[in-house]
Amino acid sequence: MKKVNRNVNHFDPMLEGEREELLPAKETTQDMYTDDTIGDPEGAAARQEAQEQASFPDWVFNDYVLSTKTVWGKAWSDGKEHLVPKQTTIDSVINLHKAGEENYLQMVKMAHSTDAARIESLKNGYETVLADATGKDVFPVLKGIGNQVQVALAERAYRKHLYIAAADRVPADQPQPEYVENLQTNMFNAATDAGVWYDLHAHCWNYVQWKNSPVYYVDNEIKLRLVNAARYIDENYRSVKPVVAPTSEQVKLAIAC
């Protein structure tokens, strides 16, 4: 029997393995990572849930961080992570408030330049209330005004923080973008509002002839303001992956249509 010679390509795994397209990448990138759902199913599920349910714009993490505990150290009731203000942010806003204590007179002057009619109306209204109030009723009225001063001073410092942080990111040789101008307007409005209530409180304090001067505790109000801001961002800027119905349910829906 005559032997037939044929050209046959034999597969050599050693040689084939050297081809460039079969070699592993020189660098392992994040998109190549696959979580270990078998060896660590609970951890993988938690990381996947965090990735899917806790996606925020990058700017959020300038001032806030995800935490399983509130800013007061208590665990969230749902056991999940939520945004809380960073301690550095809290300290920054408090420092802005303390620095601004030297400008109370300028703050009141600004309020009178724009809201003189409002200030006069509030003074007249509260004078009427205090004139008819008995001794025990004067304290809650003055306390209420004082509490509003603290809230307004906290808002003033918070708005100043937002503006300064945004303005610092704008190149020095560039004009302010519209959103930064809006933050500046909000800062001035907050300062004006604080001036209105500060001046009103001083007026009523003198009207009832109380001694000494009011003392304001603003640090806790600042923390509360940042906590409320964190909650708002958490509720409105958290990107949640939509739940997709299984194919069987989608087929039923298509048939029903």
Protein backbone atom coordinates (compact mmCIF):
# COMPACT_ATOMS: atom_id res chain seq x y z
CA MET A 1 0.00 0.00 0.00
CA LYS A 2 1.39 3.34 -1.08
CA LYS A 3 1.95 5.86 1.76
CA VAL A 4 0.21 9.21 1.23
CA ASN A 5 1.95 12.29 2.54
CA ARG A 6 -0.38 15.08 3.74
CA ASN A 7 0.42 18.51 5.15
CA VAL A 8 -1.15 18.43 8.62
CA ASN A 9 -1.11 21.33 11.08
CA HIS A 10 -0.50 19.92 14.53
CA PHE A 11 -1.63 21.98 17.57
CA ASP A 12 1.23 22.55 19.96
CA PRO A 13 -0.10 24.12 23.20
CA MET A 14 3.38 25.20 24.21
CA LEU A 15 3.83 27.18 21.02
CA GLU A 16 0.26 28.41 20.85
CA GLY A 17 0.54 29.72 24.38
CA GLU A 18 3.24 32.13 23.31
CA ARG A 19 1.01 34.02 20.91
CA GLU A 20 0.52 37.63 21.98
CA GLU A 21 -3.27 37.49 22.03
CA LEU A 22 -3.19 34.59 24.47
CA LEU A 23 -0.78 36.14 26.92
CA PRO A 24 -2.17 37.71 30.11
CA ALA A 25 -2.34 41.46 30.34
CA LYS A 26 0.71 43.16 31.76
CA GLU A 27 -1.46 45.18 34.15
CA THR A 28 -4.52 44.07 36.09
CA THR A 29 -7.18 46.77 35.89
CA GLN A 30 -10.24 47.23 38.09
CA ASP A 31 -12.62 45.96 35.41
CA MET A 32 -10.82 42.60 35.43
CA TYR A 33 -11.63 42.02 39.10
CA THR A 34 -14.22 39.35 39.86
CA ASP A 35 -15.51 39.00 43.39
CA ASP A 36 -15.30 35.60 45.10
CA THR A 37 -18.97 34.72 45.43
CA ILE A 38 -18.18 31.13 46.50
CA GLY A 39 -15.42 31.63 49.05
CA ASP A 40 -16.90 34.82 50.52
CA PRO A 41 -20.58 35.00 49.53
CA GLU A 42 -21.64 37.41 52.30
CA GLY A 43 -18.75 39.79 51.71
CA ALA A 44 -19.25 39.65 47.95
CA ALA A 45 -22.96 40.41 48.35
CA ALA A 46 -22.24 43.33 50.67
CA ARG A 47 -19.64 44.79 48.30
CA GLN A 48 -21.96 44.33 45.33
CA GLU A 49 -24.81 46.02 47.18
CA ALA A 50 -22.57 48.92 48.15
CA GLN A 51 -21.41 49.29 44.55
CA GLU A 52 -24.95 49.21 43.17
CA GLN A 53 -26.79 51.18 45.83
CA ALA A 54 -24.21 53.69 47.06
CA SER A 55 -23.03 55.40 43.93
CA PHE A 56 -22.74 59.17 44.29
CA PRO A 57 -21.23 62.00 42.25
CA ASP A 58 -17.55 62.53 43.10
CA TRP A 59 -18.16 65.96 44.66
CA VAL A 60 -20.23 64.39 47.44
CA PHE A 61 -17.17 62.83 49.03
CA ASN A 62 -15.43 66.18 49.45
CA ASP A 63 -17.51 66.78 52.59
CA TYR A 64 -19.27 63.48 53.32
CA VAL A 65 -18.46 59.81 53.81
CA LEU A 66 -20.51 56.62 53.86
CA SER A 67 -20.81 55.13 57.33
CA THR A 68 -22.77 52.40 59.10
CA LYS A 69 -23.16 54.80 62.05
CA THR A 70 -24.62 58.24 62.52
CA VAL A 71 -22.45 61.23 63.32
CA TRP A 72 -23.27 60.53 67.00
CA GLY A 73 -21.93 56.96 66.77
CA LYS A 74 -25.23 55.05 66.67
CA ALA A 75 -25.90 52.36 64.06
CA TRP A 76 -28.48 53.21 61.40
CA SER A 77 -31.81 51.47 62.01
CA ASP A 78 -31.75 49.76 58.59
CA GLY A 79 -28.20 48.42 59.13
CA LYS A 80 -26.96 50.01 55.90
CA GLU A 81 -24.43 52.70 55.09
CA HIS A 82 -25.55 56.31 54.81
CA LEU A 83 -23.80 59.61 54.24
CA VAL A 84 -22.51 61.54 57.24
CA PRO A 85 -20.43 64.73 57.31
CA LYS A 86 -16.69 64.28 57.71
CA GLN A 87 -15.25 65.53 60.98
CA THR A 88 -12.92 67.77 58.97
CA THR A 89 -15.97 69.36 57.34
CA ILE A 90 -17.67 69.92 60.69
CA ASP A 91 -14.50 71.50 62.07
CA SER A 92 -14.10 73.68 58.97
CA VAL A 93 -17.62 75.12 59.21
CA ILE A 94 -17.29 75.70 62.96
CA ASN A 95 -14.02 77.56 62.38
CA LEU A 96 -15.69 79.74 59.77
CA HIS A 97 -18.40 80.60 62.28
CA LYS A 98 -15.89 81.48 65.00
CA ALA A 99 -13.95 83.67 62.58
CA GLY A 100 -17.21 85.37 61.58
CA GLU A 101 -18.08 86.31 65.16
CA GLU A 102 -15.90 89.38 64.71
CA ASN A 103 -18.14 90.55 61.86
CA TYR A 104 -21.51 90.62 63.65
CA LEU A 105 -21.79 94.40 63.35
CA GLN A 106 -21.07 94.24 59.63
CA MET A 107 -23.61 91.42 59.34
CA VAL A 108 -26.29 93.56 61.00
CA LYS A 109 -25.37 96.55 58.83
CA MET A 110 -25.83 94.39 55.72
CA ALA A 111 -29.24 93.28 56.99
CA HIS A 112 -30.37 96.87 57.52
CA SER A 113 -29.19 97.85 54.05
CA THR A 114 -31.43 95.27 52.38
CA ASP A 115 -34.13 94.22 54.88
CA ALA A 116 -34.78 97.34 56.97
CA ALA A 117 -38.57 97.11 56.54
CA ARG A 118 -38.57 93.46 57.60
CA ILE A 119 -36.52 94.24 60.70
CA GLU A 120 -38.79 97.09 61.70
CA SER A 121 -41.89 94.94 61.22
CA LEU A 122 -40.46 92.12 63.36
CA LYS A 123 -39.43 94.54 66.12
CA ASN A 124 -42.88 96.10 66.24
CA GLY A 125 -44.55 92.70 66.30
CA TYR A 126 -42.42 91.29 69.09
CA GLU A 127 -42.71 94.49 71.13
CA THR A 128 -46.47 94.02 71.07
CA VAL A 129 -46.12 90.42 72.25
CA LEU A 130 -43.64 91.26 75.00
CA ALA A 131 -45.62 94.27 76.22
CA ASP A 132 -48.57 92.05 77.08
CA ALA A 133 -46.52 89.08 78.33
CA THR A 134 -46.22 88.19 81.98
CA GLY A 135 -42.83 87.43 83.51
CA LYS A 136 -43.00 83.67 82.93
CA ASP A 137 -44.00 84.17 79.28
CA VAL A 138 -41.10 86.45 78.39
CA PHE A 139 -38.45 83.74 78.67
CA PRO A 140 -39.87 81.35 76.00
CA VAL A 141 -40.33 84.26 73.60
CA LEU A 142 -36.71 85.39 73.96
CA LYS A 143 -35.51 81.79 73.90
CA GLY A 144 -37.35 81.17 70.64
CA ILE A 145 -35.70 84.19 69.00
CA GLY A 146 -32.31 83.10 70.35
CA ASN A 147 -32.74 79.62 68.92
CA GLN A 148 -33.51 81.13 65.53
CA VAL A 149 -30.34 83.24 65.76
CA GLN A 150 -28.31 80.07 66.34
CA VAL A 151 -29.90 78.33 63.35
CA ALA A 152 -29.29 81.40 61.15
CA LEU A 153 -25.65 81.70 62.25
CA ALA A 154 -25.10 78.01 61.46
CA GLU A 155 -26.64 78.50 58.02
CA ARG A 156 -24.42 81.54 57.48
CA ALA A 157 -21.26 79.51 58.20
CA TYR A 158 -22.48 76.54 56.12
CA ARG A 159 -23.21 78.70 53.08
CA LYS A 160 -19.85 80.40 53.45
CA HIS A 161 -18.17 76.97 53.46
CA LEU A 162 -19.96 75.92 50.26
CA TYR A 163 -18.99 79.12 48.46
CA ILE A 164 -15.33 79.09 49.52
CA ALA A 165 -14.92 75.41 48.57
CA ALA A 166 -16.43 76.00 45.13
CA ALA A 167 -14.55 79.25 44.48
CA ASP A 168 -11.23 77.61 45.37
CA ARG A 169 -11.74 75.13 42.53
CA VAL A 170 -12.07 77.91 39.93
CA PRO A 171 -8.78 78.98 38.30
CA ALA A 172 -7.69 82.41 39.49
CA ASP A 173 -7.65 83.82 35.96
CA GLN A 174 -11.17 82.59 35.13
CA PRO A 175 -14.50 84.30 35.90
CA GLN A 176 -16.83 82.66 38.38
CA PRO A 177 -19.21 80.14 36.79
CA GLU A 178 -22.91 80.70 37.29
CA TYR A 179 -23.23 77.98 39.93
CA VAL A 180 -20.48 79.64 42.00
CA GLU A 181 -22.22 83.00 41.67
CA ASN A 182 -25.41 81.35 42.93
CA LEU A 183 -23.51 79.97 45.94
CA GLN A 184 -22.19 83.47 46.61
CA THR A 185 -25.72 84.88 46.49
CA ASN A 186 -26.90 82.18 48.91
CA MET A 187 -24.01 83.08 51.23
CA PHE A 188 -24.98 86.77 51.27
CA ASN A 189 -28.66 85.92 51.80
CA ALA A 190 -27.79 83.67 54.75
CA ALA A 191 -25.63 86.40 56.28
CA THR A 192 -28.45 88.91 55.85
CA ASP A 193 -30.96 86.59 57.47
CA ALA A 194 -28.61 85.99 60.40
CA GLY A 195 -28.22 89.75 60.77
CA VAL A 196 -31.99 90.22 60.91
CA TRP A 197 -32.48 87.73 63.74
CA TYR A 198 -29.35 88.78 65.62
CA ASP A 199 -30.45 92.41 65.64
CA LEU A 200 -34.02 91.47 66.58
CA HIS A 201 -32.81 89.39 69.53
CA ALA A 202 -30.60 92.22 70.79
CA HIS A 203 -33.51 94.66 70.48
CA CYS A 204 -35.93 92.43 72.40
CA TRP A 205 -33.27 91.64 75.02
CA ASN A 206 -32.91 95.36 75.72
CA TYR A 207 -36.68 95.92 75.50
CA VAL A 208 -37.33 93.58 78.45
CA GLN A 209 -34.28 95.09 80.21
CA TRP A 210 -32.38 91.85 80.67
CA LYS A 211 -28.80 92.23 81.88
CA ASN A 212 -25.57 91.07 80.20
CA SER A 213 -25.71 89.89 76.58
CA PRO A 214 -27.05 86.78 74.81
CA VAL A 215 -24.77 83.74 74.44
CA TYR A 216 -25.14 81.54 71.37
CA TYR A 217 -24.24 77.86 71.08
CA VAL A 218 -23.81 77.34 67.36
CA ASP A 219 -21.51 74.31 67.12
CA ASN A 220 -24.30 71.76 67.53
CA GLU A 221 -26.53 73.66 65.09
CA ILE A 222 -23.73 73.44 62.51
CA LYS A 223 -23.46 69.69 63.03
CA LEU A 224 -27.24 69.34 62.62
CA ARG A 225 -27.15 71.46 59.44
CA LEU A 226 -24.50 69.20 57.92
CA VAL A 227 -26.40 66.07 58.99
CA ASN A 228 -29.52 67.40 57.24
CA ALA A 229 -27.46 68.20 54.14
CA ALA A 230 -26.05 64.65 54.17
CA ARG A 231 -29.56 63.22 54.43
CA TYR A 232 -30.78 65.35 51.53
CA ILE A 233 -27.87 64.27 49.33
CA ASP A 234 -28.35 60.63 50.33
CA GLU A 235 -32.00 60.75 49.35
CA ASN A 236 -31.62 62.73 46.13
CA TYR A 237 -28.20 61.87 44.67
CA ARG A 238 -27.80 58.19 45.51
CA SER A 239 -27.74 56.25 42.25
CA VAL A 240 -29.73 53.04 42.78
CA LYS A 241 -29.50 50.27 40.19
CA PRO A 242 -33.02 49.58 38.87
CA VAL A 243 -34.57 46.19 39.55
CA VAL A 244 -35.20 44.42 36.22
CA ALA A 245 -38.13 42.04 35.97
CA PRO A 246 -37.28 38.44 34.95
CA THR A 247 -37.83 37.46 31.32
CA SER A 248 -40.95 35.47 32.14
CA GLU A 249 -42.59 38.52 33.66
CA GLN A 250 -41.59 40.69 30.71
CA VAL A 251 -43.11 38.13 28.30
CA LYS A 252 -46.36 38.20 30.27
CA LEU A 253 -46.37 41.98 30.11
CA ALA A 254 -45.75 41.93 26.35
CA ILE A 255 -48.60 39.48 25.82
CA ALA A 256 -50.90 41.58 27.97
CA CYS A 257 -50.16 44.61 25.79
